[in-house]
């Protein structure tokens, strides 16, 4: 293990100064990828079960309970459903607009910092190319100084720097672009899930509103809750 670490350090050192920017870019890509992956995993919910619980609460006339479920559930989907519940008494067009606006607001944090992975994928090969040019310049400078008596080791140092930096830049770019596509795929899946959830929410609202008795209980509970809040503020 120790010999492997020494070998890796020697290879890193032979790559020249360009290896340090490439190392920094690799850290940026790793941090962004892990952070986005954990963020998406933490905000993932079971949409069908979640929506079923919301419908069950609304069917029983418990709007506050449905809002509480949304409040306690993490993720943009729950926030979007909460926005729809807040406009439950409004017309379908107003509910749809509220859901759309909430979806736009909630999707913004999901897409944050994803562009950094794509930037690393573009920049890393350029730094690798820069290392190649620097290595070739060093080799030609050694040849110019020593002429035909130049030692092969001096020329090999520049060649090693060119090859190692180029390989590192290309490898980092390839890994970064794969990480970017993976995260974008997860974001696309979340977006499609929210679109499906928004459509199902409108269908569910229409189904609940058609039940006159349940709707009456729902409004009564909401009115009682609002009256209780006003009484608390007055006291």
C-alpha atoms as a PDB file:
ATOM      1  CA  UNK A   1       0.000   0.000   0.000  1.00  0.00           C
ATOM      2  CA  UNK A   2       2.799   2.357   0.907  1.00  0.00           C
ATOM      3  CA  UNK A   3       4.672   1.573  -2.298  1.00  0.00           C
ATOM      4  CA  UNK A   4       1.520   2.272  -4.306  1.00  0.00           C
ATOM      5  CA  UNK A   5       1.134   5.664  -2.632  1.00  0.00           C
ATOM      6  CA  UNK A   6       4.751   6.523  -3.374  1.00  0.00           C
ATOM      7  CA  UNK A   7       4.300   5.480  -7.010  1.00  0.00           C
ATOM      8  CA  UNK A   8       1.157   7.593  -7.357  1.00  0.00           C
ATOM      9  CA  UNK A   9       2.886  10.589  -5.797  1.00  0.00           C
ATOM     10  CA  UNK A  10       5.841  10.212  -8.176  1.00  0.00           C
ATOM     11  CA  UNK A  11       3.479   9.998 -11.138  1.00  0.00           C
ATOM     12  CA  UNK A  12       1.622  13.071  -9.899  1.00  0.00           C
ATOM     13  CA  UNK A  13       4.912  14.971  -9.517  1.00  0.00           C
ATOM     14  CA  UNK A  14       6.061  13.998 -13.014  1.00  0.00           C
ATOM     15  CA  UNK A  15       2.875  15.511 -14.397  1.00  0.00           C
ATOM     16  CA  UNK A  16       4.110  18.986 -13.530  1.00  0.00           C
ATOM     17  CA  UNK A  17       2.388  22.023 -12.060  1.00  0.00           C
ATOM     18  CA  UNK A  18      -0.697  21.486 -14.220  1.00  0.00           C
ATOM     19  CA  UNK A  19      -1.587  18.495 -12.053  1.00  0.00           C
ATOM     20  CA  UNK A  20      -2.525  20.781  -9.160  1.00  0.00           C
ATOM     21  CA  UNK A  21      -5.346  22.562 -11.042  1.00  0.00           C
ATOM     22  CA  UNK A  22      -6.516  19.164 -12.259  1.00  0.00           C
ATOM     23  CA  UNK A  23      -6.489  17.895  -8.675  1.00  0.00           C
ATOM     24  CA  UNK A  24      -8.551  20.922  -7.568  1.00  0.00           C
ATOM     25  CA  UNK A  25     -11.031  20.321 -10.398  1.00  0.00           C
ATOM     26  CA  UNK A  26     -11.380  16.688  -9.381  1.00  0.00           C
ATOM     27  CA  UNK A  27     -12.206  17.739  -5.814  1.00  0.00           C
ATOM     28  CA  UNK A  28     -14.823  20.208  -7.078  1.00  0.00           C
ATOM     29  CA  UNK A  29     -16.425  17.549  -9.278  1.00  0.00           C
ATOM     30  CA  UNK A  30     -16.453  15.001  -6.441  1.00  0.00           C
ATOM     31  CA  UNK A  31     -17.988  17.413  -3.915  1.00  0.00           C
ATOM     32  CA  UNK A  32     -20.674  18.605  -6.330  1.00  0.00           C
ATOM     33  CA  UNK A  33     -21.568  15.067  -7.424  1.00  0.00           C
ATOM     34  CA  UNK A  34     -21.845  13.692  -3.874  1.00  0.00           C
ATOM     35  CA  UNK A  35     -23.783  16.730  -2.633  1.00  0.00           C
ATOM     36  CA  UNK A  36     -26.293  16.612  -5.503  1.00  0.00           C
ATOM     37  CA  UNK A  37     -26.673  12.847  -5.176  1.00  0.00           C
ATOM     38  CA  UNK A  38     -27.417  13.082  -1.455  1.00  0.00           C
ATOM     39  CA  UNK A  39     -29.767  16.019  -2.024  1.00  0.00           C
ATOM     40  CA  UNK A  40     -31.798  14.149  -4.609  1.00  0.00           C
ATOM     41  CA  UNK A  41     -31.888  10.980  -2.512  1.00  0.00           C
ATOM     42  CA  UNK A  42     -32.949  12.886   0.608  1.00  0.00           C
ATOM     43  CA  UNK A  43     -35.832  14.572  -1.196  1.00  0.00           C
ATOM     44  CA  UNK A  44     -37.110  11.426  -2.903  1.00  0.00           C
ATOM     45  CA  UNK A  45     -40.571  10.273  -1.828  1.00  0.00           C
ATOM     46  CA  UNK A  46     -43.045   7.555  -2.760  1.00  0.00           C
ATOM     47  CA  UNK A  47     -45.409   9.660  -4.804  1.00  0.00           C
ATOM     48  CA  UNK A  48     -48.313   7.225  -5.011  1.00  0.00           C
ATOM     49  CA  UNK A  49     -48.399   6.546  -1.280  1.00  0.00           C
ATOM     50  CA  UNK A  50     -47.966  10.239  -0.515  1.00  0.00           C
ATOM     51  CA  UNK A  51     -50.810  11.247  -2.821  1.00  0.00           C
ATOM     52  CA  UNK A  52     -53.006   8.491  -1.421  1.00  0.00           C
ATOM     53  CA  UNK A  53     -52.496   9.866   2.087  1.00  0.00           C
ATOM     54  CA  UNK A  54     -53.414  13.368   0.929  1.00  0.00           C
ATOM     55  CA  UNK A  55     -56.587  12.111  -0.748  1.00  0.00           C
ATOM     56  CA  UNK A  56     -57.537  10.122   2.342  1.00  0.00           C
ATOM     57  CA  UNK A  57     -57.270  13.247   4.499  1.00  0.00           C
ATOM     58  CA  UNK A  58     -59.263  15.362   2.059  1.00  0.00           C
ATOM     59  CA  UNK A  59     -61.955  12.703   1.742  1.00  0.00           C
ATOM     60  CA  UNK A  60     -62.425  12.873   5.502  1.00  0.00           C
ATOM     61  CA  UNK A  61     -62.632  16.662   5.318  1.00  0.00           C
ATOM     62  CA  UNK A  62     -59.267  17.249   6.998  1.00  0.00           C
ATOM     63  CA  UNK A  63     -57.508  19.930   5.004  1.00  0.00           C
ATOM     64  CA  UNK A  64     -55.230  20.900   7.887  1.00  0.00           C
ATOM     65  CA  UNK A  65     -54.111  17.296   8.232  1.00  0.00           C
ATOM     66  CA  UNK A  66     -53.276  17.154   4.524  1.00  0.00           C
ATOM     67  CA  UNK A  67     -51.254  20.361   4.844  1.00  0.00           C
ATOM     68  CA  UNK A  68     -49.428  18.899   7.834  1.00  0.00           C
ATOM     69  CA  UNK A  69     -48.487  15.824   5.800  1.00  0.00           C
ATOM     70  CA  UNK A  70     -47.005  18.073   3.135  1.00  0.00           C
ATOM     71  CA  UNK A  71     -45.190  20.128   5.756  1.00  0.00           C
ATOM     72  CA  UNK A  72     -43.583  17.038   7.285  1.00  0.00           C
ATOM     73  CA  UNK A  73     -42.629  15.486   3.943  1.00  0.00           C
ATOM     74  CA  UNK A  74     -39.339  16.693   2.424  1.00  0.00           C
ATOM     75  CA  UNK A  75     -38.802  17.432  -1.231  1.00  0.00           C
ATOM     76  CA  UNK A  76     -40.131  19.663  -3.996  1.00  0.00           C
ATOM     77  CA  UNK A  77     -43.077  17.379  -4.748  1.00  0.00           C
ATOM     78  CA  UNK A  78     -44.541  17.862  -1.270  1.00  0.00           C
ATOM     79  CA  UNK A  79     -44.070  21.633  -1.516  1.00  0.00           C
ATOM     80  CA  UNK A  80     -45.861  21.656  -4.866  1.00  0.00           C
ATOM     81  CA  UNK A  81     -48.793  19.668  -3.469  1.00  0.00           C
ATOM     82  CA  UNK A  82     -48.943  22.009  -0.486  1.00  0.00           C
ATOM     83  CA  UNK A  83     -49.281  24.973  -2.839  1.00  0.00           C
ATOM     84  CA  UNK A  84     -52.185  23.215  -4.524  1.00  0.00           C
ATOM     85  CA  UNK A  85     -53.852  22.520  -1.162  1.00  0.00           C
ATOM     86  CA  UNK A  86     -53.512  26.169  -0.172  1.00  0.00           C
ATOM     87  CA  UNK A  87     -55.589  27.027  -3.258  1.00  0.00           C
ATOM     88  CA  UNK A  88     -58.055  24.173  -2.816  1.00  0.00           C
ATOM     89  CA  UNK A  89     -61.083  26.489  -2.621  1.00  0.00           C
ATOM     90  CA  UNK A  90     -60.125  28.343  -5.795  1.00  0.00           C
ATOM     91  CA  UNK A  91     -61.009  27.472  -9.374  1.00  0.00           C
ATOM     92  CA  UNK A  92     -59.179  24.788 -11.321  1.00  0.00           C
ATOM     93  CA  UNK A  93     -57.290  27.394 -13.333  1.00  0.00           C
ATOM     94  CA  UNK A  94     -56.044  29.134 -10.188  1.00  0.00           C
ATOM     95  CA  UNK A  95     -55.051  25.825  -8.587  1.00  0.00           C
ATOM     96  CA  UNK A  96     -53.172  24.806 -11.708  1.00  0.00           C
ATOM     97  CA  UNK A  97     -51.342  28.144 -11.774  1.00  0.00           C
ATOM     98  CA  UNK A  98     -50.394  27.845  -8.090  1.00  0.00           C
ATOM     99  CA  UNK A  99     -49.048  24.336  -8.670  1.00  0.00           C
ATOM    100  CA  UNK A 100     -47.086  25.460 -11.723  1.00  0.00           C
ATOM    101  CA  UNK A 101     -45.514  28.402  -9.907  1.00  0.00           C
ATOM    102  CA  UNK A 102     -44.565  26.205  -6.954  1.00  0.00           C
ATOM    103  CA  UNK A 103     -43.008  23.635  -9.284  1.00  0.00           C
ATOM    104  CA  UNK A 104     -40.875  26.304 -10.973  1.00  0.00           C
ATOM    105  CA  UNK A 105     -39.670  27.601  -7.599  1.00  0.00           C
ATOM    106  CA  UNK A 106     -38.949  24.142  -6.189  1.00  0.00           C
ATOM    107  CA  UNK A 107     -37.097  22.867  -9.258  1.00  0.00           C
ATOM    108  CA  UNK A 108     -34.575  25.707  -9.144  1.00  0.00           C
ATOM    109  CA  UNK A 109     -32.618  24.354  -6.116  1.00  0.00           C
ATOM    110  CA  UNK A 110     -32.529  20.884  -7.680  1.00  0.00           C
ATOM    111  CA  UNK A 111     -30.712  22.156 -10.769  1.00  0.00           C
ATOM    112  CA  UNK A 112     -28.264  24.218  -8.739  1.00  0.00           C
ATOM    113  CA  UNK A 113     -24.513  23.560  -9.201  1.00  0.00           C
ATOM    114  CA  UNK A 114     -25.101  20.858 -11.821  1.00  0.00           C
ATOM    115  CA  UNK A 115     -23.432  23.083 -14.404  1.00  0.00           C
ATOM    116  CA  UNK A 116     -20.207  22.867 -12.386  1.00  0.00           C
ATOM    117  CA  UNK A 117     -19.815  19.224 -13.419  1.00  0.00           C
ATOM    118  CA  UNK A 118     -20.175  20.139 -17.079  1.00  0.00           C
ATOM    119  CA  UNK A 119     -17.676  22.979 -16.632  1.00  0.00           C
ATOM    120  CA  UNK A 120     -15.133  20.583 -15.117  1.00  0.00           C
ATOM    121  CA  UNK A 121     -15.691  18.189 -18.024  1.00  0.00           C
ATOM    122  CA  UNK A 122     -14.843  20.992 -20.451  1.00  0.00           C
ATOM    123  CA  UNK A 123     -11.969  22.584 -18.553  1.00  0.00           C
ATOM    124  CA  UNK A 124     -10.064  19.445 -17.484  1.00  0.00           C
ATOM    125  CA  UNK A 125      -8.988  18.391 -21.038  1.00  0.00           C
ATOM    126  CA  UNK A 126      -7.807  21.955 -21.670  1.00  0.00           C
ATOM    127  CA  UNK A 127      -5.537  21.812 -18.636  1.00  0.00           C
ATOM    128  CA  UNK A 128      -4.316  18.431 -19.860  1.00  0.00           C
ATOM    129  CA  UNK A 129      -3.506  19.991 -23.235  1.00  0.00           C
ATOM    130  CA  UNK A 130      -1.740  22.837 -21.463  1.00  0.00           C
ATOM    131  CA  UNK A 131       0.402  20.294 -19.625  1.00  0.00           C
ATOM    132  CA  UNK A 132       1.226  18.664 -22.944  1.00  0.00           C
ATOM    133  CA  UNK A 133       2.380  21.966 -24.428  1.00  0.00           C
ATOM    134  CA  UNK A 134       4.441  22.806 -21.336  1.00  0.00           C
ATOM    135  CA  UNK A 135       6.078  19.380 -21.429  1.00  0.00           C
ATOM    136  CA  UNK A 136       6.961  19.733 -25.096  1.00  0.00           C
ATOM    137  CA  UNK A 137       8.345  23.233 -24.498  1.00  0.00           C
ATOM    138  CA  UNK A 138      10.540  21.867 -21.711  1.00  0.00           C
ATOM    139  CA  UNK A 139      11.823  19.086 -23.945  1.00  0.00           C
ATOM    140  CA  UNK A 140      12.737  21.474 -26.753  1.00  0.00           C
ATOM    141  CA  UNK A 141      14.398  23.861 -24.309  1.00  0.00           C
ATOM    142  CA  UNK A 142      16.573  21.004 -23.024  1.00  0.00           C
ATOM    143  CA  UNK A 143      17.445  20.027 -26.578  1.00  0.00           C
ATOM    144  CA  UNK A 144      18.307  23.643 -27.465  1.00  0.00           C
ATOM    145  CA  UNK A 145      20.556  24.067 -24.426  1.00  0.00           C
ATOM    146  CA  UNK A 146      22.482  20.813 -24.745  1.00  0.00           C
ATOM    147  CA  UNK A 147      22.232  20.196 -28.480  1.00  0.00           C
ATOM    148  CA  UNK A 148      23.130  16.731 -29.723  1.00  0.00           C
ATOM    149  CA  UNK A 149      24.624  15.910 -26.316  1.00  0.00           C
ATOM    150  CA  UNK A 150      21.287  16.212 -24.549  1.00  0.00           C
ATOM    151  CA  UNK A 151      20.645  13.454 -22.055  1.00  0.00           C
ATOM    152  CA  UNK A 152      17.686  11.218 -22.865  1.00  0.00           C
ATOM    153  CA  UNK A 153      16.412  11.582 -19.304  1.00  0.00           C
ATOM    154  CA  UNK A 154      15.923  15.332 -19.772  1.00  0.00           C
ATOM    155  CA  UNK A 155      13.803  14.776 -22.846  1.00  0.00           C
ATOM    156  CA  UNK A 156      11.903  11.978 -21.129  1.00  0.00           C
ATOM    157  CA  UNK A 157      10.926  14.311 -18.282  1.00  0.00           C
ATOM    158  CA  UNK A 158       9.081  16.626 -20.666  1.00  0.00           C
ATOM    159  CA  UNK A 159       7.485  13.695 -22.456  1.00  0.00           C
ATOM    160  CA  UNK A 160       6.301  12.219 -19.149  1.00  0.00           C
ATOM    161  CA  UNK A 161       4.786  15.554 -18.152  1.00  0.00           C
ATOM    162  CA  UNK A 162       2.972  15.824 -21.488  1.00  0.00           C
ATOM    163  CA  UNK A 163       1.575  12.294 -21.371  1.00  0.00           C
ATOM    164  CA  UNK A 164       0.565  12.243 -17.705  1.00  0.00           C
ATOM    165  CA  UNK A 165      -1.159  15.627 -17.776  1.00  0.00           C
ATOM    166  CA  UNK A 166      -3.003  14.759 -20.990  1.00  0.00           C
ATOM    167  CA  UNK A 167      -4.166  11.392 -19.658  1.00  0.00           C
ATOM    168  CA  UNK A 168      -5.278  12.939 -16.358  1.00  0.00           C
ATOM    169  CA  UNK A 169      -7.179  15.727 -18.072  1.00  0.00           C
ATOM    170  CA  UNK A 170      -8.977  13.358 -20.439  1.00  0.00           C
ATOM    171  CA  UNK A 171      -9.817  10.896 -17.655  1.00  0.00           C
ATOM    172  CA  UNK A 172     -11.153  13.627 -15.389  1.00  0.00           C
ATOM    173  CA  UNK A 173     -13.205  15.101 -18.241  1.00  0.00           C
ATOM    174  CA  UNK A 174     -14.713  11.713 -19.067  1.00  0.00           C
ATOM    175  CA  UNK A 175     -15.638  10.992 -15.449  1.00  0.00           C
ATOM    176  CA  UNK A 176     -17.090  14.483 -14.981  1.00  0.00           C
ATOM    177  CA  UNK A 177     -19.278  14.246 -18.068  1.00  0.00           C
ATOM    178  CA  UNK A 178     -20.583  10.841 -16.948  1.00  0.00           C
ATOM    179  CA  UNK A 179     -21.360  12.266 -13.500  1.00  0.00           C
ATOM    180  CA  UNK A 180     -23.127  15.219 -15.138  1.00  0.00           C
ATOM    181  CA  UNK A 181     -25.294  12.960 -17.304  1.00  0.00           C
ATOM    182  CA  UNK A 182     -26.153  10.810 -14.290  1.00  0.00           C
ATOM    183  CA  UNK A 183     -27.281  13.789 -12.190  1.00  0.00           C
ATOM    184  CA  UNK A 184     -29.186  15.311 -15.113  1.00  0.00           C
ATOM    185  CA  UNK A 185     -30.961  11.977 -15.577  1.00  0.00           C
ATOM    186  CA  UNK A 186     -31.991  11.966 -11.920  1.00  0.00           C
ATOM    187  CA  UNK A 187     -33.229  15.553 -12.209  1.00  0.00           C
ATOM    188  CA  UNK A 188     -35.206  14.656 -15.340  1.00  0.00           C
ATOM    189  CA  UNK A 189     -36.821  11.789 -13.447  1.00  0.00           C
ATOM    190  CA  UNK A 190     -37.794  14.150 -10.606  1.00  0.00           C
ATOM    191  CA  UNK A 191     -39.232  16.613 -13.113  1.00  0.00           C
ATOM    192  CA  UNK A 192     -41.344  13.936 -14.802  1.00  0.00           C
ATOM    193  CA  UNK A 193     -42.511  12.711 -11.412  1.00  0.00           C
ATOM    194  CA  UNK A 194     -43.608  16.225 -10.436  1.00  0.00           C
ATOM    195  CA  UNK A 195     -45.449  16.638 -13.744  1.00  0.00           C
ATOM    196  CA  UNK A 196     -47.300  13.372 -13.133  1.00  0.00           C
ATOM    197  CA  UNK A 197     -48.007  14.359  -9.541  1.00  0.00           C
ATOM    198  CA  UNK A 198     -49.440  17.719 -10.636  1.00  0.00           C
ATOM    199  CA  UNK A 199     -51.813  16.054 -13.090  1.00  0.00           C
ATOM    200  CA  UNK A 200     -52.905  13.461 -10.553  1.00  0.00           C
ATOM    201  CA  UNK A 201     -53.425  16.214  -7.985  1.00  0.00           C
ATOM    202  CA  UNK A 202     -55.900  18.010 -10.229  1.00  0.00           C
ATOM    203  CA  UNK A 203     -57.788  14.767 -10.859  1.00  0.00           C
ATOM    204  CA  UNK A 204     -57.857  14.047  -7.137  1.00  0.00           C
ATOM    205  CA  UNK A 205     -59.152  17.534  -6.318  1.00  0.00           C
ATOM    206  CA  UNK A 206     -61.950  17.128  -8.851  1.00  0.00           C
ATOM    207  CA  UNK A 207     -62.834  13.742  -7.385  1.00  0.00           C
ATOM    208  CA  UNK A 208     -62.932  15.080  -3.825  1.00  0.00           C
ATOM    209  CA  UNK A 209     -64.944  18.175  -4.731  1.00  0.00           C
ATOM    210  CA  UNK A 210     -67.605  16.027  -6.380  1.00  0.00           C
ATOM    211  CA  UNK A 211     -68.384  14.503  -3.007  1.00  0.00           C
ATOM    212  CA  UNK A 212     -70.595  17.217  -1.566  1.00  0.00           C
ATOM    213  CA  UNK A 213     -70.725  15.970   1.979  1.00  0.00           C
ATOM    214  CA  UNK A 214     -66.955  15.508   2.319  1.00  0.00           C
ATOM    215  CA  UNK A 215     -66.324  18.907   0.806  1.00  0.00           C
ATOM    216  CA  UNK A 216     -68.659  20.534   3.285  1.00  0.00           C
ATOM    217  CA  UNK A 217     -66.787  18.964   6.202  1.00  0.00           C
ATOM    218  CA  UNK A 218     -63.544  20.118   4.721  1.00  0.00           C
ATOM    219  CA  UNK A 219     -64.592  23.733   4.518  1.00  0.00           C
ATOM    220  CA  UNK A 220     -66.047  23.572   8.014  1.00  0.00           C
ATOM    221  CA  UNK A 221     -62.764  22.299   9.476  1.00  0.00           C
ATOM    222  CA  UNK A 222     -60.797  24.986   7.688  1.00  0.00           C
ATOM    223  CA  UNK A 223     -63.172  27.712   8.880  1.00  0.00           C
ATOM    224  CA  UNK A 224     -62.999  26.436  12.463  1.00  0.00           C
ATOM    225  CA  UNK A 225     -59.209  26.411  12.349  1.00  0.00           C
ATOM    226  CA  UNK A 226     -59.078  29.961  11.024  1.00  0.00           C
ATOM    227  CA  UNK A 227     -61.554  31.138  13.647  1.00  0.00           C
ATOM    228  CA  UNK A 228     -59.451  29.509  16.354  1.00  0.00           C
ATOM    229  CA  UNK A 229     -56.346  31.294  15.100  1.00  0.00           C
ATOM    230  CA  UNK A 230     -58.107  34.636  15.158  1.00  0.00           C
ATOM    231  CA  UNK A 231     -59.350  34.010  18.676  1.00  0.00           C
ATOM    232  CA  UNK A 232     -55.847  33.119  19.811  1.00  0.00           C
ATOM    233  CA  UNK A 233     -54.400  36.273  18.296  1.00  0.00           C
ATOM    234  CA  UNK A 234     -57.140  38.401  19.898  1.00  0.00           C
ATOM    235  CA  UNK A 235     -56.483  36.942  23.367  1.00  0.00           C
END
